[in-house]
Amino acid sequence: MQMSSVRNPVSDLRELGIENTTNVYYQLSPGKLEEQTIARKQGVIADSGALAVNTGEYTGRSPKDRFIVEDAMTATTINWNDFNLPISTAFFDRLYRRITGYFAGKDVWVRDCYACADDDYRINIKVITETPWSSLFAYNMFLRPTEEEQDYMHPEWTVIQAPGCLADPTTDGTRQQNFSVINFSRKIIIIGGSAYTGEVKKGIFTILNYVLPHNKQVLSMHCSANQGDDGDTAIFFGLSGTGKTTLSADPSRKLIGDDEHGWTASGVFNFEGGCYAKCIDLSEDKEPQIFHAVRKGALLENTRFFPGTNTVNYADKSITENTRVSYPLHYIDNVLEPAVGGIPKNIFFLTCDAYGVLPPVSKLSPGQAMYQFISGYTAKVAGTEAGVTEPKSTFSACFGAPFLPLHPAQYAQMLGERMRLHKVNVWLINTGWTGGAYGTGNRIKLAYTRAMIAAALKGELDHAAFHPHPVFGFAIPDTCPGVPENILNPRNTWENKAAYDEQARNLANQFILNFEKYAAAADAEILAAAPKL
């Protein structure tokens, strides 16, 4: 057992109700955690040096099995909906006794870490796991205290993850055997029945999305962020698959973070100490920074090797399309340390529009920006089933609805106040299709998307001539350095202009129908930014 001269991990666990464990492994190094994972036959080393594991039955989050304890604190503050599902204190207590009792006679891994790179908002976290590789994930993804700090750290929040601990739905108030439950009053997250590490990451993100806006007046955001040489900060909002991680990992700018940030009166700070990148179809060519971060100390999830080798086949999605890699932030060469930037000068809303309707780059008015933020749109290919090629729209408020305990209007209001106060440029970037919908058109080249973002960041579009999109009203630049003029207006890229017009009207109608549930909380400027049919 490893322990410091001051901290006593066994006593800490006993206070939580975890007793009679076999071994307590405290604050182990990544190398030791890798060794233990290999010895337990829970993973293998890829030829890049990264540890590769399989998360089992669950290869993604299970949002229908994520609950928040409804009590005096949360009853009237949580926005109860399909994502924020209530569970009683009594059921939480049953599950808590079940998961703490589960560790009796077992090995347990304990890690003290923290979230929020801005010390004014730091939250200390204790992560207790059933496997060594889950502890490695916590090491990679959260901020790492110094040895001196960890001796005296007192965790504000505790996360307990035990994939082997299964709920009994008939008595525990769950939907099925797996569960993730957040108790804001007791500051505890319990996760059972699932080894998917993203449940740990997004559990902490959810609590920050409650605590920071509700108690600290800090806007929490599902976005990536980077900073230029002159100190200008840019943030990138977008749902999974739209390019947040890829586009923020820019060799010419310093990375603040790839997924979760807070916006204070003085600037932007990263919540995390690492990156959790999707790696389906990862290549050195397209995403060199991420590709080279997959090395010793990184944790690959649910990838497969080429037959007879330990070389990852990033195109293989036979386990899941949601293949992932976690690594510490400093694995990216040009990372900003500490991960705290200034007030954003540019905001990018990323969407992967598989309908081929939206412009590849456009500038938004404040009202349009608010409308798009509340809408949180992207469109994905429906799936891999034979014959299914029609795109499928996704609207996720504030580009992160499943992780937002408060009403979306509260986050939107905070963003709007900051955008107007600091006169921030807001851009909509379509990383999806042009010249037709998926199956007919072509994906917009990554090189063009990078050129558009670079032009916006350098101010090269500040004095460009713009024309409005006839349906959505976005301001489309007539020219953009490094981008063929003919692709800037999406209608021009379609052979059948009438088919484009019909597709645009259909998409606009989807926006309008989706926004109906937010209309009562929106002001006249936001309502006026709706698409025009």
Protein backbone atom coordinates (compact mmCIF):
# COMPACT_ATOMS: atom_id res chain seq x y z
CA MET A 1 0.00 0.00 0.00
CA GLN A 2 1.21 3.51 -0.83
CA MET A 3 0.34 6.42 1.41
CA SER A 4 1.80 9.78 2.36
CA SER A 5 3.10 10.75 5.77
CA VAL A 6 0.03 12.88 6.39
CA ARG A 7 -2.85 11.32 4.51
CA ASN A 8 -4.19 7.92 5.54
CA PRO A 9 -6.19 6.52 2.61
CA VAL A 10 -7.61 3.67 4.70
CA SER A 11 -9.02 6.10 7.25
CA ASP A 12 -10.41 8.27 4.46
CA LEU A 13 -12.21 5.26 2.97
CA ARG A 14 -13.51 4.18 6.36
CA GLU A 15 -15.10 7.60 6.81
CA LEU A 16 -16.93 7.01 3.54
CA GLY A 17 -18.14 3.59 4.67
CA ILE A 18 -15.64 1.58 2.59
CA GLU A 19 -14.04 -0.99 4.91
CA ASN A 20 -12.32 -4.38 4.95
CA THR A 21 -10.66 -3.85 1.57
CA THR A 22 -7.78 -6.13 0.54
CA ASN A 23 -5.37 -3.46 -0.75
CA VAL A 24 -5.68 0.29 -1.03
CA TYR A 25 -3.55 1.73 -3.84
CA TYR A 26 -3.22 5.47 -3.32
CA GLN A 27 -2.01 7.99 -5.88
CA LEU A 28 -0.09 5.45 -7.99
CA SER A 29 1.98 6.63 -10.93
CA PRO A 30 0.74 6.04 -14.50
CA GLY A 31 3.51 3.46 -15.01
CA LYS A 32 2.45 1.45 -11.94
CA LEU A 33 -1.21 1.61 -12.98
CA GLU A 34 -0.28 0.28 -16.43
CA GLU A 35 1.68 -2.58 -14.86
CA GLN A 36 -1.24 -3.53 -12.65
CA THR A 37 -3.67 -3.40 -15.58
CA ILE A 38 -1.47 -5.70 -17.64
CA ALA A 39 -0.91 -8.09 -14.71
CA ARG A 40 -4.66 -8.34 -14.19
CA LYS A 41 -5.17 -8.98 -17.93
CA GLN A 42 -7.41 -5.93 -18.18
CA GLY A 43 -5.50 -4.29 -21.01
CA VAL A 44 -2.58 -4.46 -23.43
CA ILE A 45 0.10 -2.03 -24.56
CA ALA A 46 -0.24 -0.72 -28.11
CA ASP A 47 2.94 -0.31 -30.15
CA SER A 48 2.61 3.47 -29.64
CA GLY A 49 3.11 2.85 -25.90
CA ALA A 50 -0.49 3.67 -24.94
CA LEU A 51 -2.53 1.32 -22.73
CA ALA A 52 -5.54 -0.13 -24.59
CA VAL A 53 -8.59 -1.36 -22.66
CA ASN A 54 -12.14 -2.47 -23.37
CA THR A 55 -14.89 -0.88 -21.26
CA GLY A 56 -17.20 -3.86 -21.70
CA GLU A 57 -20.94 -3.62 -22.18
CA TYR A 58 -21.03 0.17 -22.09
CA THR A 59 -18.93 2.03 -24.64
CA GLY A 60 -20.64 5.36 -24.03
CA ARG A 61 -22.68 7.18 -21.46
CA SER A 62 -26.10 5.84 -20.50
CA PRO A 63 -28.15 9.05 -20.07
CA LYS A 64 -31.38 7.24 -19.15
CA ASP A 65 -29.56 5.75 -16.14
CA ARG A 66 -28.10 9.03 -14.81
CA PHE A 67 -29.99 10.41 -11.82
CA ILE A 68 -29.84 13.45 -9.54
CA VAL A 69 -31.03 13.17 -5.95
CA GLU A 70 -34.14 15.29 -5.46
CA ASP A 71 -34.02 16.95 -2.06
CA ALA A 72 -34.44 20.37 -0.44
CA MET A 73 -31.42 21.76 -2.35
CA THR A 74 -32.32 20.51 -5.81
CA ALA A 75 -36.13 20.25 -5.89
CA THR A 76 -36.64 23.77 -7.27
CA THR A 77 -33.21 24.52 -8.77
CA ILE A 78 -32.69 21.55 -11.10
CA ASN A 79 -34.33 21.68 -14.53
CA TRP A 80 -35.95 18.23 -14.35
CA ASN A 81 -36.28 16.71 -17.81
CA ASP A 82 -35.29 13.66 -19.89
CA PHE A 83 -31.62 14.19 -18.91
CA ASN A 84 -32.01 15.30 -15.30
CA LEU A 85 -33.92 12.40 -13.82
CA PRO A 86 -34.87 12.58 -10.13
CA ILE A 87 -34.21 9.86 -7.58
CA SER A 88 -35.12 9.93 -3.90
CA THR A 89 -32.70 10.26 -1.01
CA ALA A 90 -33.85 6.87 0.25
CA PHE A 91 -32.90 5.16 -3.03
CA PHE A 92 -29.55 6.97 -3.07
CA ASP A 93 -28.85 5.75 0.45
CA ARG A 94 -29.59 2.15 -0.62
CA LEU A 95 -27.30 2.43 -3.62
CA TYR A 96 -24.59 4.11 -1.55
CA ARG A 97 -24.63 1.27 0.98
CA ARG A 98 -24.54 -1.21 -1.88
CA ILE A 99 -21.53 0.36 -3.64
CA THR A 100 -19.48 1.04 -0.50
CA GLY A 101 -20.13 -2.50 0.77
CA TYR A 102 -19.14 -3.89 -2.62
CA PHE A 103 -15.46 -3.05 -2.02
CA ALA A 104 -15.14 -5.35 1.01
CA GLY A 105 -12.52 -8.00 0.23
CA LYS A 106 -11.44 -6.22 -2.95
CA ASP A 107 -8.58 -4.03 -4.08
CA VAL A 108 -9.39 -0.33 -4.43
CA TRP A 109 -7.64 2.55 -6.17
CA VAL A 110 -7.80 6.05 -4.72
CA ARG A 111 -6.75 9.29 -6.38
CA ASP A 112 -6.86 12.84 -5.06
CA CYS A 113 -7.10 15.41 -7.83
CA TYR A 114 -8.98 18.59 -8.60
CA ALA A 115 -10.97 20.47 -11.24
CA CYS A 116 -10.71 24.11 -12.40
CA ALA A 117 -7.35 25.58 -13.41
CA ASP A 118 -8.29 28.96 -11.91
CA ASP A 119 -7.41 28.63 -8.22
CA ASP A 120 -10.31 30.90 -7.25
CA TYR A 121 -12.73 28.16 -8.35
CA ARG A 122 -10.75 25.00 -7.63
CA ILE A 123 -12.74 21.97 -6.46
CA ASN A 124 -10.84 19.08 -4.84
CA ILE A 125 -12.03 15.62 -5.85
CA LYS A 126 -11.39 12.11 -4.55
CA VAL A 127 -11.88 9.40 -7.19
CA ILE A 128 -12.28 5.83 -5.94
CA THR A 129 -12.22 3.08 -8.57
CA GLU A 130 -12.38 -0.67 -8.92
CA THR A 131 -9.72 -0.92 -11.66
CA PRO A 132 -6.23 0.56 -12.01
CA TRP A 133 -6.92 1.85 -15.52
CA SER A 134 -9.88 3.91 -14.31
CA SER A 135 -7.49 5.53 -11.86
CA LEU A 136 -5.17 6.24 -14.80
CA PHE A 137 -8.09 7.93 -16.55
CA ALA A 138 -8.62 10.14 -13.49
CA TYR A 139 -4.89 10.97 -13.45
CA ASN A 140 -5.04 11.97 -17.12
CA MET A 141 -8.28 13.93 -17.08
CA PHE A 142 -8.28 15.87 -13.82
CA LEU A 143 -5.73 18.35 -12.54
CA ARG A 144 -2.85 16.81 -10.62
CA PRO A 145 -1.77 18.17 -7.21
CA THR A 146 1.85 18.32 -6.18
CA GLU A 147 3.03 15.77 -3.60
CA GLU A 148 2.98 18.49 -0.95
CA GLU A 149 -0.55 19.52 -1.90
CA GLN A 150 -1.94 15.99 -1.88
CA ASP A 151 -0.72 15.46 1.69
CA TYR A 152 -3.11 18.12 2.92
CA MET A 153 -5.93 17.96 0.35
CA HIS A 154 -9.44 17.72 1.70
CA PRO A 155 -11.80 16.58 -1.06
CA GLU A 156 -14.94 18.60 -1.57
CA TRP A 157 -16.46 15.98 -3.89
CA THR A 158 -16.10 12.20 -3.99
CA VAL A 159 -16.62 9.94 -7.01
CA ILE A 160 -17.00 6.19 -6.46
CA GLN A 161 -16.95 3.97 -9.56
CA ALA A 162 -17.47 0.20 -9.37
CA PRO A 163 -18.40 -1.46 -12.68
CA GLY A 164 -18.97 -4.78 -10.93
CA CYS A 165 -21.54 -3.32 -8.53
CA LEU A 166 -25.00 -3.87 -9.99
CA ALA A 167 -28.25 -2.30 -8.84
CA ASP A 168 -31.44 -4.24 -8.27
CA PRO A 169 -34.06 -2.21 -10.18
CA THR A 170 -36.89 -3.77 -8.17
CA THR A 171 -35.58 -2.29 -4.91
CA ASP A 172 -33.05 0.44 -5.80
CA GLY A 173 -35.18 2.83 -7.87
CA THR A 174 -33.08 2.42 -11.02
CA ARG A 175 -34.13 1.58 -14.57
CA GLN A 176 -31.69 -1.30 -14.88
CA GLN A 177 -28.52 -2.64 -13.26
CA ASN A 178 -26.19 0.22 -14.21
CA PHE A 179 -26.51 3.62 -12.58
CA SER A 180 -24.87 6.99 -12.11
CA VAL A 181 -26.24 9.14 -9.31
CA ILE A 182 -25.28 12.68 -8.27
CA ASN A 183 -26.04 13.86 -4.74
CA PHE A 184 -25.47 17.63 -4.57
CA SER A 185 -26.21 17.85 -0.85
CA ARG A 186 -23.69 15.17 0.13
CA LYS A 187 -21.28 16.05 -2.73
CA ILE A 188 -20.97 12.45 -3.86
CA ILE A 189 -21.24 10.75 -7.27
CA ILE A 190 -21.72 6.98 -7.38
CA ILE A 191 -21.34 4.98 -10.60
CA GLY A 192 -22.08 1.27 -10.81
CA GLY A 193 -22.49 -1.34 -13.53
CA SER A 194 -20.55 0.57 -16.20
CA ALA A 195 -16.80 0.77 -16.79
CA TYR A 196 -17.12 3.59 -19.33
CA THR A 197 -14.83 6.27 -17.94
CA GLY A 198 -16.78 9.09 -19.59
CA GLU A 199 -19.37 8.68 -16.82
CA VAL A 200 -16.73 9.91 -14.33
CA LYS A 201 -15.71 12.86 -16.49
CA LYS A 202 -19.24 14.00 -17.27
CA GLY A 203 -20.36 13.49 -13.68
CA ILE A 204 -17.88 16.13 -12.57
CA PHE A 205 -18.80 18.35 -15.53
CA THR A 206 -22.45 18.18 -14.48
CA ILE A 207 -21.73 19.28 -10.94
CA LEU A 208 -19.60 22.18 -12.20
CA ASN A 209 -22.47 23.19 -14.50
CA TYR A 210 -24.59 23.56 -11.36
CA VAL A 211 -22.14 24.96 -8.83
CA LEU A 212 -20.34 27.57 -10.95
CA PRO A 213 -23.30 29.40 -12.55
CA HIS A 214 -25.63 28.93 -9.57
CA ASN A 215 -23.22 29.87 -6.79
CA LYS A 216 -20.24 31.63 -8.40
CA GLN A 217 -21.68 33.54 -11.39
CA VAL A 218 -19.26 31.74 -13.70
CA LEU A 219 -20.56 30.62 -17.09
CA SER A 220 -19.74 26.92 -17.52
CA MET A 221 -19.36 25.84 -21.14
CA HIS A 222 -19.12 22.66 -23.21
CA CYS A 223 -16.42 24.01 -25.49
CA SER A 224 -12.75 23.91 -26.41
CA ALA A 225 -10.50 26.96 -26.19
CA ASN A 226 -7.13 28.22 -27.39
CA GLN A 227 -5.07 31.39 -27.35
CA GLY A 228 -2.99 33.22 -29.94
CA ASP A 229 0.47 34.70 -29.52
CA ASP A 230 -1.01 38.12 -28.80
CA GLY A 231 -3.17 36.70 -26.01
CA ASP A 232 -6.46 36.59 -27.91
CA THR A 233 -8.69 33.75 -26.71
CA ALA A 234 -11.06 31.79 -28.95
CA ILE A 235 -13.68 29.29 -27.83
CA PHE A 236 -15.30 26.53 -29.88
CA PHE A 237 -18.75 25.20 -29.04
CA GLY A 238 -20.02 22.04 -30.69
CA LEU A 239 -21.55 18.65 -30.10
CA SER A 240 -19.59 15.43 -30.39
CA GLY A 241 -18.21 14.91 -33.90
CA THR A 242 -18.29 18.54 -34.98
CA GLY A 243 -14.55 19.16 -34.53
CA LYS A 244 -14.09 20.84 -31.12
CA THR A 245 -10.97 18.87 -30.23
CA THR A 246 -9.56 18.81 -33.77
CA LEU A 247 -9.96 22.52 -34.50
CA SER A 248 -8.76 23.77 -31.13
CA ALA A 249 -5.56 21.68 -31.42
CA ASP A 250 -3.97 24.31 -33.67
CA PRO A 251 -0.15 24.23 -33.92
CA SER A 252 -0.08 28.03 -34.28
CA ARG A 253 -2.03 28.65 -31.05
CA LYS A 254 -1.75 27.50 -27.45
CA LEU A 255 -4.37 25.01 -26.30
CA ILE A 256 -6.29 25.95 -23.15
CA GLY A 257 -8.47 22.83 -23.25
CA ASP A 258 -10.57 20.65 -25.51
CA ASP A 259 -13.96 20.23 -23.84
CA GLU A 260 -14.96 22.03 -20.60
CA HIS A 261 -14.36 25.63 -19.54
CA GLY A 262 -15.58 28.43 -17.31
CA TRP A 263 -15.92 32.12 -18.26
CA THR A 264 -15.32 34.56 -15.41
CA ALA A 265 -15.20 38.34 -15.26
CA SER A 266 -11.50 38.17 -16.18
CA GLY A 267 -11.25 35.31 -18.68
CA VAL A 268 -11.61 31.63 -19.47
CA PHE A 269 -10.20 28.64 -17.60
CA ASN A 270 -10.11 24.89 -18.25
CA PHE A 271 -11.94 22.57 -15.89
CA GLU A 272 -9.70 19.61 -16.71
CA GLY A 273 -6.10 18.49 -16.79
CA GLY A 274 -6.37 16.35 -19.91
CA CYS A 275 -8.10 15.59 -23.19
CA TYR A 276 -10.62 12.87 -24.01
CA ALA A 277 -10.49 12.75 -27.78
CA LYS A 278 -12.54 10.67 -30.17
CA CYS A 279 -10.13 8.63 -32.24
CA ILE A 280 -12.30 7.01 -34.90
CA ASP A 281 -10.40 7.45 -38.19
CA LEU A 282 -7.58 9.25 -36.39
CA SER A 283 -4.61 9.92 -38.65
CA GLU A 284 -1.28 11.70 -38.35
CA ASP A 285 -2.15 13.66 -41.47
CA LYS A 286 -5.42 15.19 -40.30
CA GLU A 287 -4.86 15.44 -36.54
CA PRO A 288 -1.11 15.30 -35.84
CA GLN A 289 -1.32 16.73 -32.31
CA ILE A 290 -3.83 14.11 -31.14
CA PHE A 291 -2.11 11.31 -33.07
CA HIS A 292 1.22 11.97 -31.35
CA ALA A 293 -0.46 12.23 -27.94
CA VAL A 294 -1.36 8.52 -28.16
CA ARG A 295 1.79 7.38 -26.41
CA LYS A 296 2.92 5.94 -23.09
CA GLY A 297 0.61 7.17 -20.35
CA ALA A 298 -2.36 7.62 -22.69
CA LEU A 299 -5.41 5.37 -22.31
CA LEU A 300 -7.15 3.99 -25.40
CA GLU A 301 -10.71 2.74 -25.04
CA ASN A 302 -12.51 0.22 -27.24
CA THR A 303 -10.11 0.36 -30.18
CA ARG A 304 -8.96 -2.71 -32.12
CA PHE A 305 -5.59 -3.71 -33.52
CA PHE A 306 -4.73 -4.80 -37.02
CA PRO A 307 -4.71 -8.65 -36.96
CA GLY A 308 -1.53 -10.11 -35.52
CA THR A 309 -0.17 -6.73 -34.37
CA ASN A 310 -0.42 -4.22 -31.57
CA THR A 311 -0.98 -1.42 -34.07
CA VAL A 312 -4.30 0.36 -33.57
CA ASN A 313 -6.67 0.28 -36.52
CA TYR A 314 -8.35 3.63 -35.97
CA ALA A 315 -10.86 2.94 -38.76
CA ASP A 316 -12.21 -0.14 -36.96
CA LYS A 317 -15.54 0.67 -35.34
CA SER A 318 -16.59 -2.93 -34.70
CA ILE A 319 -16.79 -2.28 -30.94
CA THR A 320 -18.09 1.29 -31.21
CA GLU A 321 -17.73 4.48 -33.22
CA ASN A 322 -17.09 6.15 -29.89
CA THR A 323 -13.47 5.02 -29.62
CA ARG A 324 -11.60 7.32 -27.25
CA VAL A 325 -8.17 8.24 -25.96
CA SER A 326 -7.40 10.16 -22.77
CA TYR A 327 -4.08 11.86 -22.15
CA PRO A 328 -2.73 14.68 -19.97
CA LEU A 329 -3.00 18.16 -21.41
CA HIS A 330 0.78 18.53 -21.55
CA TYR A 331 0.91 15.77 -24.19
CA ILE A 332 -0.05 18.54 -26.61
CA ASP A 333 3.12 20.46 -27.48
CA ASN A 334 1.75 24.00 -27.39
CA VAL A 335 -0.41 23.86 -24.29
CA LEU A 336 -1.07 26.94 -22.18
CA GLU A 337 0.04 26.51 -18.56
CA PRO A 338 -1.73 27.26 -16.36
CA ALA A 339 -4.79 26.67 -18.54
CA VAL A 340 -6.24 30.14 -18.00
CA GLY A 341 -6.83 32.56 -20.89
CA GLY A 342 -8.22 36.05 -21.33
CA ILE A 343 -11.67 37.26 -22.37
CA PRO A 344 -12.68 35.58 -25.66
CA LYS A 345 -12.36 37.71 -28.78
CA ASN A 346 -13.97 35.13 -31.07
CA ILE A 347 -16.58 32.42 -30.49
CA PHE A 348 -17.12 29.61 -32.99
CA PHE A 349 -20.28 27.52 -33.09
CA LEU A 350 -19.39 24.26 -34.84
CA THR A 351 -22.04 22.19 -36.58
CA CYS A 352 -21.70 19.17 -38.81
CA ASP A 353 -24.65 19.81 -41.09
CA ALA A 354 -25.23 16.56 -42.99
CA TYR A 355 -28.06 18.21 -44.98
CA GLY A 356 -25.59 20.44 -46.86
CA VAL A 357 -27.64 23.59 -46.11
CA LEU A 358 -25.59 25.81 -43.80
CA PRO A 359 -22.68 27.96 -45.03
CA PRO A 360 -19.17 26.75 -44.22
CA VAL A 361 -18.51 30.09 -42.47
CA SER A 362 -20.87 32.91 -41.51
CA LYS A 363 -20.98 35.74 -39.00
CA LEU A 364 -23.82 35.94 -36.48
CA SER A 365 -25.51 38.95 -34.93
CA PRO A 366 -25.97 38.84 -31.14
CA GLY A 367 -29.58 37.72 -31.57
CA GLN A 368 -28.62 35.00 -34.04
CA ALA A 369 -25.82 33.88 -31.75
CA MET A 370 -28.24 33.48 -28.86
CA TYR A 371 -30.74 31.62 -31.04
CA GLN A 372 -28.07 29.22 -32.30
CA PHE A 373 -26.61 28.71 -28.81
CA ILE A 374 -29.99 27.81 -27.38
CA SER A 375 -30.70 25.54 -30.37
CA GLY A 376 -27.34 23.70 -30.28
CA TYR A 377 -27.76 22.13 -33.72
CA THR A 378 -25.86 19.49 -35.61
CA ALA A 379 -26.96 16.75 -38.02
CA LYS A 380 -25.49 13.29 -38.18
CA VAL A 381 -25.80 10.34 -40.50
CA ALA A 382 -28.63 8.20 -39.15
CA GLY A 383 -26.52 5.10 -38.60
CA THR A 384 -24.73 2.16 -40.16
CA GLU A 385 -27.80 0.07 -40.93
CA ALA A 386 -27.90 -0.98 -44.58
CA GLY A 387 -29.87 1.42 -46.73
CA VAL A 388 -30.16 4.16 -44.08
CA THR A 389 -28.48 7.24 -45.53
CA GLU A 390 -30.77 10.11 -44.49
CA PRO A 391 -29.25 12.63 -42.08
CA LYS A 392 -30.68 12.97 -38.58
CA SER A 393 -30.95 16.31 -36.80
CA THR A 394 -29.76 16.75 -33.23
CA PHE A 395 -30.63 19.79 -31.11
CA SER A 396 -28.87 19.98 -27.77
CA ALA A 397 -29.37 23.23 -25.85
CA CYS A 398 -26.16 25.20 -25.24
CA PHE A 399 -24.31 22.42 -27.10
CA GLY A 400 -24.44 20.23 -24.00
CA ALA A 401 -28.01 19.62 -22.78
CA PRO A 402 -27.32 16.23 -21.10
CA PHE A 403 -24.85 17.89 -18.71
CA LEU A 404 -26.83 21.00 -17.78
CA PRO A 405 -28.67 20.77 -14.44
CA LEU A 406 -30.03 24.33 -14.72
CA HIS A 407 -32.47 25.65 -17.31
CA PRO A 408 -30.74 26.41 -20.65
CA ALA A 409 -32.02 29.99 -20.47
CA GLN A 410 -29.73 30.64 -17.48
CA TYR A 411 -26.60 29.68 -19.43
CA ALA A 412 -27.81 31.52 -22.52
CA GLN A 413 -28.46 34.70 -20.56
CA MET A 414 -24.95 34.60 -19.10
CA LEU A 415 -23.41 34.05 -22.53
CA GLY A 416 -25.44 36.88 -24.02
CA GLU A 417 -24.36 39.29 -21.30
CA ARG A 418 -20.69 38.45 -21.88
CA MET A 419 -20.92 38.59 -25.68
CA ARG A 420 -22.46 42.06 -25.61
CA LEU A 421 -20.23 43.43 -22.85
CA HIS A 422 -17.02 42.41 -24.63
CA LYS A 423 -18.30 42.82 -28.24
CA VAL A 424 -17.22 39.27 -29.12
CA ASN A 425 -17.28 38.11 -32.74
CA VAL A 426 -19.47 35.03 -33.16
CA TRP A 427 -19.07 32.71 -36.15
CA LEU A 428 -21.01 29.68 -37.31
CA ILE A 429 -18.76 27.03 -38.87
CA ASN A 430 -20.27 24.12 -40.80
CA THR A 431 -17.85 21.18 -40.77
CA GLY A 432 -20.39 18.97 -42.57
CA TRP A 433 -21.52 18.66 -46.16
CA THR A 434 -21.68 20.91 -49.21
CA GLY A 435 -22.98 20.39 -52.74
CA GLY A 436 -25.77 18.16 -51.43
CA ALA A 437 -26.71 16.20 -48.37
CA TYR A 438 -24.79 13.19 -47.08
CA GLY A 439 -24.70 10.55 -49.82
CA THR A 440 -24.80 13.16 -52.60
CA GLY A 441 -22.57 16.05 -51.60
CA ASN A 442 -19.05 16.12 -50.22
CA ARG A 443 -17.67 16.76 -46.74
CA ILE A 444 -16.14 20.22 -46.47
CA LYS A 445 -12.36 19.84 -46.53
CA LEU A 446 -10.69 20.20 -43.13
CA ALA A 447 -8.06 22.43 -44.77
CA TYR A 448 -10.79 24.85 -45.84
CA THR A 449 -12.36 24.87 -42.38
CA ARG A 450 -8.98 25.61 -40.82
CA ALA A 451 -8.43 28.45 -43.33
CA MET A 452 -11.83 30.00 -42.48
CA ILE A 453 -11.13 29.89 -38.76
CA ALA A 454 -7.63 31.29 -39.28
CA ALA A 455 -9.06 34.16 -41.34
CA ALA A 456 -11.58 34.99 -38.63
CA LEU A 457 -8.92 34.85 -35.90
CA LYS A 458 -6.51 37.09 -37.85
CA GLY A 459 -9.22 39.69 -38.50
CA GLU A 460 -9.08 39.04 -42.25
CA LEU A 461 -12.89 38.83 -42.41
CA ASP A 462 -13.50 42.02 -40.42
CA HIS A 463 -13.74 44.15 -43.53
CA ALA A 464 -15.01 41.54 -45.98
CA ALA A 465 -18.20 42.07 -47.95
CA PHE A 466 -21.06 39.93 -46.64
CA HIS A 467 -24.49 38.94 -47.92
CA PRO A 468 -27.32 37.39 -45.89
CA HIS A 469 -28.49 33.82 -46.20
CA PRO A 470 -32.06 34.09 -47.55
CA VAL A 471 -33.54 31.71 -44.95
CA PHE A 472 -31.29 31.78 -41.90
CA GLY A 473 -30.10 35.38 -42.23
CA PHE A 474 -26.44 34.59 -41.40
CA ALA A 475 -23.88 36.97 -42.93
CA ILE A 476 -21.88 35.00 -45.54
CA PRO A 477 -18.52 36.47 -46.62
CA ASP A 478 -18.07 36.93 -50.37
CA THR A 479 -14.40 35.92 -50.10
CA CYS A 480 -12.13 34.19 -47.58
CA PRO A 481 -8.35 33.73 -47.88
CA GLY A 482 -7.42 30.13 -48.73
CA VAL A 483 -10.97 29.08 -49.61
CA PRO A 484 -12.52 28.80 -53.12
CA GLU A 485 -15.19 31.49 -53.48
CA ASN A 486 -17.68 29.08 -55.05
CA ILE A 487 -18.13 27.06 -51.83
CA LEU A 488 -18.84 29.99 -49.49
CA ASN A 489 -22.49 30.20 -50.53
CA PRO A 490 -23.87 26.68 -50.08
CA ARG A 491 -26.65 27.14 -52.65
CA ASN A 492 -24.03 27.69 -55.35
CA THR A 493 -22.55 24.24 -54.71
CA TRP A 494 -25.81 22.39 -55.47
CA GLU A 495 -26.56 21.45 -59.06
CA ASN A 496 -30.28 21.46 -58.32
CA LYS A 497 -30.99 24.87 -56.76
CA ALA A 498 -34.66 24.04 -56.16
CA ALA A 499 -33.62 20.96 -54.18
CA TYR A 500 -31.33 23.16 -52.04
CA ASP A 501 -34.15 25.62 -51.39
CA GLU A 502 -36.46 22.82 -50.29
CA GLN A 503 -33.78 21.31 -48.03
CA ALA A 504 -33.15 24.74 -46.48
CA ARG A 505 -36.86 25.23 -45.79
CA ASN A 506 -37.08 21.77 -44.21
CA LEU A 507 -34.12 22.45 -41.93
CA ALA A 508 -35.49 25.89 -41.01
CA ASN A 509 -38.77 24.30 -40.02
CA GLN A 510 -36.92 21.87 -37.73
CA PHE A 511 -35.21 24.82 -36.02
CA ILE A 512 -38.53 26.61 -35.51
CA LEU A 513 -40.29 23.55 -34.10
CA ASN A 514 -37.38 22.78 -31.75
CA PHE A 515 -37.29 26.38 -30.46
CA GLU A 516 -40.95 26.40 -29.44
CA LYS A 517 -40.07 25.03 -25.99
CA TYR A 518 -37.67 27.94 -25.37
CA ALA A 519 -39.71 30.76 -26.92
CA ALA A 520 -41.35 31.85 -23.66
CA ALA A 521 -37.92 32.57 -22.10
CA ALA A 522 -36.49 34.34 -25.18
CA ASP A 523 -36.55 38.11 -25.79
CA ALA A 524 -37.67 39.85 -28.98
CA GLU A 525 -34.15 40.02 -30.43
CA ILE A 526 -33.65 36.28 -30.09
CA LEU A 527 -37.10 35.48 -31.48
CA ALA A 528 -36.43 37.74 -34.47
CA ALA A 529 -33.32 35.65 -35.28
CA ALA A 530 -35.40 32.59 -36.17
CA PRO A 531 -35.14 31.33 -39.76
CA LYS A 532 -37.60 32.90 -42.20
CA LEU A 533 -39.78 30.50 -44.14
